[in-house]
């Protein structure tokens, strides 16, 4: 048989490198909970300055949308560490 072969469907498209979006999805639970903890603690600090308290449930609700950019940044950071380790 002559001609070119099509690439294997089982071969990784990234040559074994984890893309940032996969790392971000993997890290989302940890980063979202870290955002929730930081929001709650920031609410305690702000309460000492005269503002209203942020309840733990409110912090958990706010961590859902705010966890996405945090996990993207964490994914970029981990990807950079992985690239540095490969050098």
PDB file of N, CA and C in Angstrom:
ATOM      1  N   UNK A   1       0.830  -1.167   0.000  1.00  0.00           N
ATOM      2  CA  UNK A   1       0.000   0.000   0.000  1.00  0.00           C
ATOM      3  C   UNK A   1       0.884   1.242   0.000  1.00  0.00           C
ATOM      4  N   UNK A   2       0.623   2.156  -0.881  1.00  0.00           N
ATOM      5  CA  UNK A   2       1.422   3.373  -0.936  1.00  0.00           C
ATOM      6  C   UNK A   2       0.560   4.563  -0.532  1.00  0.00           C
ATOM      7  N   UNK A   3       1.204   5.668  -0.320  1.00  0.00           N
ATOM      8  CA  UNK A   3       0.474   6.863   0.092  1.00  0.00           C
ATOM      9  C   UNK A   3       0.800   7.220   1.525  1.00  0.00           C
ATOM     10  N   UNK A   4       0.080   8.180   2.018  1.00  0.00           N
ATOM     11  CA  UNK A   4       0.320   8.622   3.393  1.00  0.00           C
ATOM     12  C   UNK A   4      -0.691   7.977   4.320  1.00  0.00           C
ATOM     13  N   UNK A   5      -0.271   7.737   5.499  1.00  0.00           N
ATOM     14  CA  UNK A   5      -1.156   7.162   6.509  1.00  0.00           C
ATOM     15  C   UNK A   5      -1.769   8.287   7.316  1.00  0.00           C
ATOM     16  N   UNK A   6      -2.991   8.102   7.694  1.00  0.00           N
ATOM     17  CA  UNK A   6      -3.625   9.091   8.558  1.00  0.00           C
ATOM     18  C   UNK A   6      -3.099   8.908   9.974  1.00  0.00           C
ATOM     19  N   UNK A   7      -3.089   9.977  10.748  1.00  0.00           N
ATOM     20  CA  UNK A   7      -2.588   9.846  12.124  1.00  0.00           C
ATOM     21  C   UNK A   7      -3.491   8.928  12.948  1.00  0.00           C
ATOM     22  N   UNK A   8      -2.879   8.263  13.869  1.00  0.00           N
ATOM     23  CA  UNK A   8      -3.619   7.358  14.740  1.00  0.00           C
ATOM     24  C   UNK A   8      -4.580   8.143  15.623  1.00  0.00           C
ATOM     25  N   UNK A   9      -5.747   7.598  15.837  1.00  0.00           N
ATOM     26  CA  UNK A   9      -6.710   8.255  16.716  1.00  0.00           C
ATOM     27  C   UNK A   9      -6.317   8.115  18.182  1.00  0.00           C
ATOM     28  N   UNK A  10      -5.426   7.193  18.464  1.00  0.00           N
ATOM     29  CA  UNK A  10      -5.024   6.974  19.852  1.00  0.00           C
ATOM     30  C   UNK A  10      -3.804   7.797  20.237  1.00  0.00           C
ATOM     31  N   UNK A  11      -3.154   8.410  19.281  1.00  0.00           N
ATOM     32  CA  UNK A  11      -1.968   9.204  19.583  1.00  0.00           C
ATOM     33  C   UNK A  11      -2.384  10.519  20.229  1.00  0.00           C
ATOM     34  N   UNK A  12      -1.696  10.938  21.279  1.00  0.00           N
ATOM     35  CA  UNK A  12      -2.068  12.200  21.927  1.00  0.00           C
ATOM     36  C   UNK A  12      -1.794  13.379  21.003  1.00  0.00           C
ATOM     37  N   UNK A  13      -2.717  14.328  20.974  1.00  0.00           N
ATOM     38  CA  UNK A  13      -2.565  15.496  20.117  1.00  0.00           C
ATOM     39  C   UNK A  13      -1.556  16.490  20.677  1.00  0.00           C
ATOM     40  N   UNK A  14      -1.239  16.385  21.931  1.00  0.00           N
ATOM     41  CA  UNK A  14      -0.337  17.355  22.569  1.00  0.00           C
ATOM     42  C   UNK A  14       1.040  16.779  22.850  1.00  0.00           C
ATOM     43  N   UNK A  15       1.363  15.641  22.283  1.00  0.00           N
ATOM     44  CA  UNK A  15       2.666  15.003  22.493  1.00  0.00           C
ATOM     45  C   UNK A  15       2.964  14.756  23.961  1.00  0.00           C
ATOM     46  N   UNK A  16       1.980  14.356  24.719  1.00  0.00           N
ATOM     47  CA  UNK A  16       2.165  14.032  26.118  1.00  0.00           C
ATOM     48  C   UNK A  16       2.062  15.211  27.061  1.00  0.00           C
ATOM     49  N   UNK A  17       1.872  16.428  26.541  1.00  0.00           N
ATOM     50  CA  UNK A  17       1.749  17.610  27.391  1.00  0.00           C
ATOM     51  C   UNK A  17       0.298  17.791  27.795  1.00  0.00           C
ATOM     52  N   UNK A  18       0.085  18.149  29.032  1.00  0.00           N
ATOM     53  CA  UNK A  18      -1.258  18.458  29.510  1.00  0.00           C
ATOM     54  C   UNK A  18      -1.591  19.877  29.110  1.00  0.00           C
ATOM     55  N   UNK A  19      -2.675  20.105  28.407  1.00  0.00           N
ATOM     56  CA  UNK A  19      -3.054  21.495  28.105  1.00  0.00           C
ATOM     57  C   UNK A  19      -3.586  22.201  29.345  1.00  0.00           C
ATOM     58  N   UNK A  20      -3.547  23.521  29.302  1.00  0.00           N
ATOM     59  CA  UNK A  20      -3.946  24.327  30.459  1.00  0.00           C
ATOM     60  C   UNK A  20      -5.402  24.077  30.819  1.00  0.00           C
ATOM     61  N   UNK A  21      -6.274  23.908  29.829  1.00  0.00           N
ATOM     62  CA  UNK A  21      -7.698  23.734  30.136  1.00  0.00           C
ATOM     63  C   UNK A  21      -7.952  22.436  30.886  1.00  0.00           C
ATOM     64  N   UNK A  22      -7.202  21.379  30.578  1.00  0.00           N
ATOM     65  CA  UNK A  22      -7.368  20.128  31.326  1.00  0.00           C
ATOM     66  C   UNK A  22      -6.861  20.277  32.753  1.00  0.00           C
ATOM     67  N   UNK A  23      -5.743  20.970  32.916  1.00  0.00           N
ATOM     68  CA  UNK A  23      -5.228  21.212  34.255  1.00  0.00           C
ATOM     69  C   UNK A  23      -6.199  22.068  35.054  1.00  0.00           C
ATOM     70  N   UNK A  24      -6.826  23.062  34.387  1.00  0.00           N
ATOM     71  CA  UNK A  24      -7.780  23.926  35.071  1.00  0.00           C
ATOM     72  C   UNK A  24      -8.993  23.140  35.542  1.00  0.00           C
ATOM     73  N   UNK A  25      -9.489  22.238  34.716  1.00  0.00           N
ATOM     74  CA  UNK A  25     -10.635  21.396  35.117  1.00  0.00           C
ATOM     75  C   UNK A  25     -10.250  20.500  36.286  1.00  0.00           C
ATOM     76  N   UNK A  26      -9.060  19.947  36.233  1.00  0.00           N
ATOM     77  CA  UNK A  26      -8.596  19.072  37.300  1.00  0.00           C
ATOM     78  C   UNK A  26      -8.417  19.823  38.615  1.00  0.00           C
ATOM     79  N   UNK A  27      -7.970  21.072  38.534  1.00  0.00           N
ATOM     80  CA  UNK A  27      -7.687  21.861  39.730  1.00  0.00           C
ATOM     81  C   UNK A  27      -8.877  22.663  40.230  1.00  0.00           C
ATOM     82  N   UNK A  28      -9.995  22.680  39.481  1.00  0.00           N
ATOM     83  CA  UNK A  28     -11.135  23.517  39.849  1.00  0.00           C
ATOM     84  C   UNK A  28     -11.660  23.258  41.262  1.00  0.00           C
ATOM     85  N   UNK A  29     -11.878  22.000  41.691  1.00  0.00           N
ATOM     86  CA  UNK A  29     -12.403  21.814  43.060  1.00  0.00           C
ATOM     87  C   UNK A  29     -11.506  22.423  44.136  1.00  0.00           C
ATOM     88  N   UNK A  30     -10.211  22.242  44.018  1.00  0.00           N
ATOM     89  CA  UNK A  30      -9.298  22.772  45.035  1.00  0.00           C
ATOM     90  C   UNK A  30      -9.246  24.294  44.993  1.00  0.00           C
ATOM     91  N   UNK A  31      -9.209  24.865  43.788  1.00  0.00           N
ATOM     92  CA  UNK A  31      -9.120  26.322  43.705  1.00  0.00           C
ATOM     93  C   UNK A  31     -10.437  26.985  44.102  1.00  0.00           C
ATOM     94  N   UNK A  32     -11.567  26.371  43.766  1.00  0.00           N
ATOM     95  CA  UNK A  32     -12.857  26.953  44.159  1.00  0.00           C
ATOM     96  C   UNK A  32     -12.999  26.959  45.679  1.00  0.00           C
ATOM     97  N   UNK A  33     -12.582  25.884  46.336  1.00  0.00           N
ATOM     98  CA  UNK A  33     -12.656  25.861  47.800  1.00  0.00           C
ATOM     99  C   UNK A  33     -11.675  26.845  48.427  1.00  0.00           C
ATOM    100  N   UNK A  34     -10.511  27.022  47.799  1.00  0.00           N
ATOM    101  CA  UNK A  34      -9.567  28.024  48.305  1.00  0.00           C
ATOM    102  C   UNK A  34     -10.154  29.429  48.170  1.00  0.00           C
ATOM    103  N   UNK A  35     -10.866  29.682  47.070  1.00  0.00           N
ATOM    104  CA  UNK A  35     -11.528  30.979  46.895  1.00  0.00           C
ATOM    105  C   UNK A  35     -12.593  31.166  47.966  1.00  0.00           C
ATOM    106  N   UNK A  36     -13.360  30.117  48.266  1.00  0.00           N
ATOM    107  CA  UNK A  36     -14.409  30.209  49.293  1.00  0.00           C
ATOM    108  C   UNK A  36     -13.807  30.524  50.657  1.00  0.00           C
ATOM    109  N   UNK A  37     -12.730  29.861  50.993  1.00  0.00           N
ATOM    110  CA  UNK A  37     -12.079  30.110  52.285  1.00  0.00           C
ATOM    111  C   UNK A  37     -11.566  31.544  52.351  1.00  0.00           C
ATOM    112  N   UNK A  38     -10.945  32.004  51.268  1.00  0.00           N
ATOM    113  CA  UNK A  38     -10.421  33.375  51.256  1.00  0.00           C
ATOM    114  C   UNK A  38     -11.541  34.407  51.317  1.00  0.00           C
ATOM    115  N   UNK A  39     -12.661  34.153  50.642  1.00  0.00           N
ATOM    116  CA  UNK A  39     -13.797  35.072  50.724  1.00  0.00           C
ATOM    117  C   UNK A  39     -14.344  35.151  52.142  1.00  0.00           C
ATOM    118  N   UNK A  40     -14.484  33.999  52.786  1.00  0.00           N
ATOM    119  CA  UNK A  40     -15.007  33.968  54.153  1.00  0.00           C
ATOM    120  C   UNK A  40     -14.073  34.708  55.106  1.00  0.00           C
ATOM    121  N   UNK A  41     -12.772  34.456  54.983  1.00  0.00           N
ATOM    122  CA  UNK A  41     -11.814  35.124  55.860  1.00  0.00           C
ATOM    123  C   UNK A  41     -11.730  36.621  55.570  1.00  0.00           C
ATOM    124  N   UNK A  42     -11.857  37.002  54.299  1.00  0.00           N
ATOM    125  CA  UNK A  42     -11.900  38.427  53.970  1.00  0.00           C
ATOM    126  C   UNK A  42     -13.138  39.073  54.583  1.00  0.00           C
ATOM    127  N   UNK A  43     -14.255  38.320  54.611  1.00  0.00           N
ATOM    128  CA  UNK A  43     -15.459  38.831  55.257  1.00  0.00           C
ATOM    129  C   UNK A  43     -15.271  39.042  56.744  1.00  0.00           C
ATOM    130  N   UNK A  44     -14.503  38.164  57.381  1.00  0.00           N
ATOM    131  CA  UNK A  44     -14.228  38.340  58.809  1.00  0.00           C
ATOM    132  C   UNK A  44     -13.363  39.567  59.057  1.00  0.00           C
ATOM    133  N   UNK A  45     -12.378  39.790  58.188  1.00  0.00           N
ATOM    134  CA  UNK A  45     -11.521  40.968  58.329  1.00  0.00           C
ATOM    135  C   UNK A  45     -12.341  42.237  58.106  1.00  0.00           C
ATOM    136  N   UNK A  46     -13.189  42.216  57.074  1.00  0.00           N
ATOM    137  CA  UNK A  46     -14.010  43.389  56.784  1.00  0.00           C
ATOM    138  C   UNK A  46     -15.048  43.636  57.879  1.00  0.00           C
ATOM    139  N   UNK A  47     -15.486  42.581  58.556  1.00  0.00           N
ATOM    140  CA  UNK A  47     -16.421  42.749  59.670  1.00  0.00           C
ATOM    141  C   UNK A  47     -15.755  43.535  60.802  1.00  0.00           C
ATOM    142  N   UNK A  48     -14.490  43.302  60.991  1.00  0.00           N
ATOM    143  CA  UNK A  48     -13.752  44.061  61.996  1.00  0.00           C
ATOM    144  C   UNK A  48     -13.632  45.538  61.640  1.00  0.00           C
ATOM    145  N   UNK A  49     -13.786  45.848  60.351  1.00  0.00           N
ATOM    146  CA  UNK A  49     -13.719  47.240  59.896  1.00  0.00           C
ATOM    147  C   UNK A  49     -15.099  47.883  59.784  1.00  0.00           C
ATOM    148  N   UNK A  50     -16.141  47.147  60.180  1.00  0.00           N
ATOM    149  CA  UNK A  50     -17.472  47.724  60.208  1.00  0.00           C
ATOM    150  C   UNK A  50     -18.408  47.271  59.099  1.00  0.00           C
ATOM    151  N   UNK A  51     -17.964  46.397  58.204  1.00  0.00           N
ATOM    152  CA  UNK A  51     -18.834  45.909  57.135  1.00  0.00           C
ATOM    153  C   UNK A  51     -19.638  44.707  57.623  1.00  0.00           C
ATOM    154  N   UNK A  52     -20.608  44.261  56.824  1.00  0.00           N
ATOM    155  CA  UNK A  52     -21.414  43.108  57.223  1.00  0.00           C
ATOM    156  C   UNK A  52     -20.628  41.811  57.011  1.00  0.00           C
ATOM    157  N   UNK A  53     -21.064  40.764  57.678  1.00  0.00           N
ATOM    158  CA  UNK A  53     -20.380  39.474  57.646  1.00  0.00           C
ATOM    159  C   UNK A  53     -20.765  38.715  56.379  1.00  0.00           C
ATOM    160  N   UNK A  54     -19.799  38.020  55.791  1.00  0.00           N
ATOM    161  CA  UNK A  54     -20.070  37.099  54.688  1.00  0.00           C
ATOM    162  C   UNK A  54     -20.221  35.712  55.306  1.00  0.00           C
ATOM    163  N   UNK A  55     -21.386  35.116  55.138  1.00  0.00           N
ATOM    164  CA  UNK A  55     -21.608  33.786  55.716  1.00  0.00           C
ATOM    165  C   UNK A  55     -20.847  32.725  54.915  1.00  0.00           C
ATOM    166  N   UNK A  56     -20.581  31.566  55.515  1.00  0.00           N
ATOM    167  CA  UNK A  56     -19.898  30.502  54.776  1.00  0.00           C
ATOM    168  C   UNK A  56     -20.690  30.048  53.542  1.00  0.00           C
ATOM    169  N   UNK A  57     -22.012  30.023  53.641  1.00  0.00           N
ATOM    170  CA  UNK A  57     -22.830  29.608  52.497  1.00  0.00           C
ATOM    171  C   UNK A  57     -22.718  30.623  51.360  1.00  0.00           C
ATOM    172  N   UNK A  58     -22.723  31.902  51.696  1.00  0.00           N
ATOM    173  CA  UNK A  58     -22.559  32.945  50.675  1.00  0.00           C
ATOM    174  C   UNK A  58     -21.187  32.836  50.016  1.00  0.00           C
ATOM    175  N   UNK A  59     -20.173  32.558  50.803  1.00  0.00           N
ATOM    176  CA  UNK A  59     -18.824  32.386  50.248  1.00  0.00           C
ATOM    177  C   UNK A  59     -18.779  31.184  49.312  1.00  0.00           C
ATOM    178  N   UNK A  60     -19.487  30.102  49.665  1.00  0.00           N
ATOM    179  CA  UNK A  60     -19.530  28.936  48.780  1.00  0.00           C
ATOM    180  C   UNK A  60     -20.249  29.245  47.479  1.00  0.00           C
ATOM    181  N   UNK A  61     -21.328  30.028  47.534  1.00  0.00           N
ATOM    182  CA  UNK A  61     -22.028  30.394  46.303  1.00  0.00           C
ATOM    183  C   UNK A  61     -21.161  31.276  45.418  1.00  0.00           C
ATOM    184  N   UNK A  62     -20.442  32.218  46.016  1.00  0.00           N
ATOM    185  CA  UNK A  62     -19.592  33.106  45.236  1.00  0.00           C
ATOM    186  C   UNK A  62     -18.358  32.403  44.687  1.00  0.00           C
ATOM    187  N   UNK A  63     -17.936  31.314  45.324  1.00  0.00           N
ATOM    188  CA  UNK A  63     -16.738  30.626  44.842  1.00  0.00           C
ATOM    189  C   UNK A  63     -17.002  29.865  43.545  1.00  0.00           C
ATOM    190  N   UNK A  64     -18.255  29.556  43.245  1.00  0.00           N
ATOM    191  CA  UNK A  64     -18.547  28.808  42.015  1.00  0.00           C
ATOM    192  C   UNK A  64     -18.134  29.589  40.760  1.00  0.00           C
ATOM    193  N   UNK A  65     -18.577  30.843  40.584  1.00  0.00           N
ATOM    194  CA  UNK A  65     -18.095  31.561  39.391  1.00  0.00           C
ATOM    195  C   UNK A  65     -16.666  32.086  39.535  1.00  0.00           C
ATOM    196  N   UNK A  66     -16.265  32.451  40.745  1.00  0.00           N
ATOM    197  CA  UNK A  66     -14.920  33.003  40.935  1.00  0.00           C
ATOM    198  C   UNK A  66     -13.838  31.927  40.920  1.00  0.00           C
ATOM    199  N   UNK A  67     -14.230  30.666  41.062  1.00  0.00           N
ATOM    200  CA  UNK A  67     -13.255  29.583  41.020  1.00  0.00           C
ATOM    201  C   UNK A  67     -12.731  29.313  39.625  1.00  0.00           C
ATOM    202  N   UNK A  68     -13.504  29.664  38.594  1.00  0.00           N
ATOM    203  CA  UNK A  68     -13.079  29.396  37.214  1.00  0.00           C
ATOM    204  C   UNK A  68     -11.827  30.189  36.827  1.00  0.00           C
ATOM    205  N   UNK A  69     -11.791  31.517  37.016  1.00  0.00           N
ATOM    206  CA  UNK A  69     -10.541  32.209  36.677  1.00  0.00           C
ATOM    207  C   UNK A  69      -9.385  31.808  37.584  1.00  0.00           C
ATOM    208  N   UNK A  70      -9.689  31.490  38.828  1.00  0.00           N
ATOM    209  CA  UNK A  70      -8.622  31.049  39.737  1.00  0.00           C
ATOM    210  C   UNK A  70      -8.041  29.715  39.277  1.00  0.00           C
ATOM    211  N   UNK A  71      -8.889  28.805  38.821  1.00  0.00           N
ATOM    212  CA  UNK A  71      -8.378  27.513  38.356  1.00  0.00           C
ATOM    213  C   UNK A  71      -7.629  27.664  37.037  1.00  0.00           C
ATOM    214  N   UNK A  72      -8.052  28.608  36.184  1.00  0.00           N
ATOM    215  CA  UNK A  72      -7.311  28.862  34.944  1.00  0.00           C
ATOM    216  C   UNK A  72      -5.904  29.367  35.266  1.00  0.00           C
ATOM    217  N   UNK A  73      -5.804  30.292  36.212  1.00  0.00           N
ATOM    218  CA  UNK A  73      -4.486  30.793  36.615  1.00  0.00           C
ATOM    219  C   UNK A  73      -3.645  29.696  37.254  1.00  0.00           C
ATOM    220  N   UNK A  74      -4.267  28.853  38.057  1.00  0.00           N
ATOM    221  CA  UNK A  74      -3.528  27.740  38.666  1.00  0.00           C
ATOM    222  C   UNK A  74      -3.067  26.754  37.597  1.00  0.00           C
ATOM    223  N   UNK A  75      -3.904  26.514  36.593  1.00  0.00           N
ATOM    224  CA  UNK A  75      -3.514  25.633  35.488  1.00  0.00           C
ATOM    225  C   UNK A  75      -2.341  26.188  34.704  1.00  0.00           C
ATOM    226  N   UNK A  76      -2.346  27.508  34.457  1.00  0.00           N
ATOM    227  CA  UNK A  76      -1.218  28.134  33.763  1.00  0.00           C
ATOM    228  C   UNK A  76       0.055  28.034  34.596  1.00  0.00           C
ATOM    229  N   UNK A  77      -0.087  28.213  35.905  1.00  0.00           N
ATOM    230  CA  UNK A  77       1.070  28.132  36.799  1.00  0.00           C
ATOM    231  C   UNK A  77       1.643  26.709  36.800  1.00  0.00           C
ATOM    232  N   UNK A  78       0.765  25.709  36.923  1.00  0.00           N
ATOM    233  CA  UNK A  78       1.225  24.314  36.936  1.00  0.00           C
ATOM    234  C   UNK A  78       1.830  23.941  35.584  1.00  0.00           C
ATOM    235  N   UNK A  79       1.225  24.404  34.472  1.00  0.00           N
ATOM    236  CA  UNK A  79       1.782  24.125  33.142  1.00  0.00           C
ATOM    237  C   UNK A  79       3.188  24.712  33.027  1.00  0.00           C
ATOM    238  N   UNK A  80       3.394  25.915  33.568  1.00  0.00           N
ATOM    239  CA  UNK A  80       4.729  26.513  33.562  1.00  0.00           C
ATOM    240  C   UNK A  80       5.723  25.714  34.388  1.00  0.00           C
ATOM    241  N   UNK A  81       5.269  25.220  35.541  1.00  0.00           N
ATOM    242  CA  UNK A  81       6.158  24.375  36.356  1.00  0.00           C
ATOM    243  C   UNK A  81       6.505  23.077  35.640  1.00  0.00           C
ATOM    244  N   UNK A  82       5.522  22.504  34.936  1.00  0.00           N
ATOM    245  CA  UNK A  82       5.780  21.269  34.201  1.00  0.00           C
ATOM    246  C   UNK A  82       6.738  21.511  33.036  1.00  0.00           C
ATOM    247  N   UNK A  83       6.590  22.645  32.344  1.00  0.00           N
ATOM    248  CA  UNK A  83       7.512  22.978  31.269  1.00  0.00           C
ATOM    249  C   UNK A  83       8.924  23.211  31.790  1.00  0.00           C
ATOM    250  N   UNK A  84       9.022  23.875  32.941  1.00  0.00           N
ATOM    251  CA  UNK A  84      10.332  24.106  33.540  1.00  0.00           C
ATOM    252  C   UNK A  84      10.982  22.791  33.969  1.00  0.00           C
ATOM    253  N   UNK A  85      10.184  21.859  34.460  1.00  0.00           N
ATOM    254  CA  UNK A  85      10.737  20.569  34.879  1.00  0.00           C
ATOM    255  C   UNK A  85      11.205  19.747  33.677  1.00  0.00           C
ATOM    256  N   UNK A  86      10.577  19.951  32.513  1.00  0.00           N
ATOM    257  CA  UNK A  86      10.973  19.216  31.318  1.00  0.00           C
ATOM    258  C   UNK A  86      12.280  19.723  30.720  1.00  0.00           C
ATOM    259  N   UNK A  87      12.636  20.979  31.048  1.00  0.00           N
ATOM    260  CA  UNK A  87      13.881  21.529  30.486  1.00  0.00           C
ATOM    261  C   UNK A  87      15.092  20.983  31.159  1.00  0.00           C
TER     262      UNK A  87
END
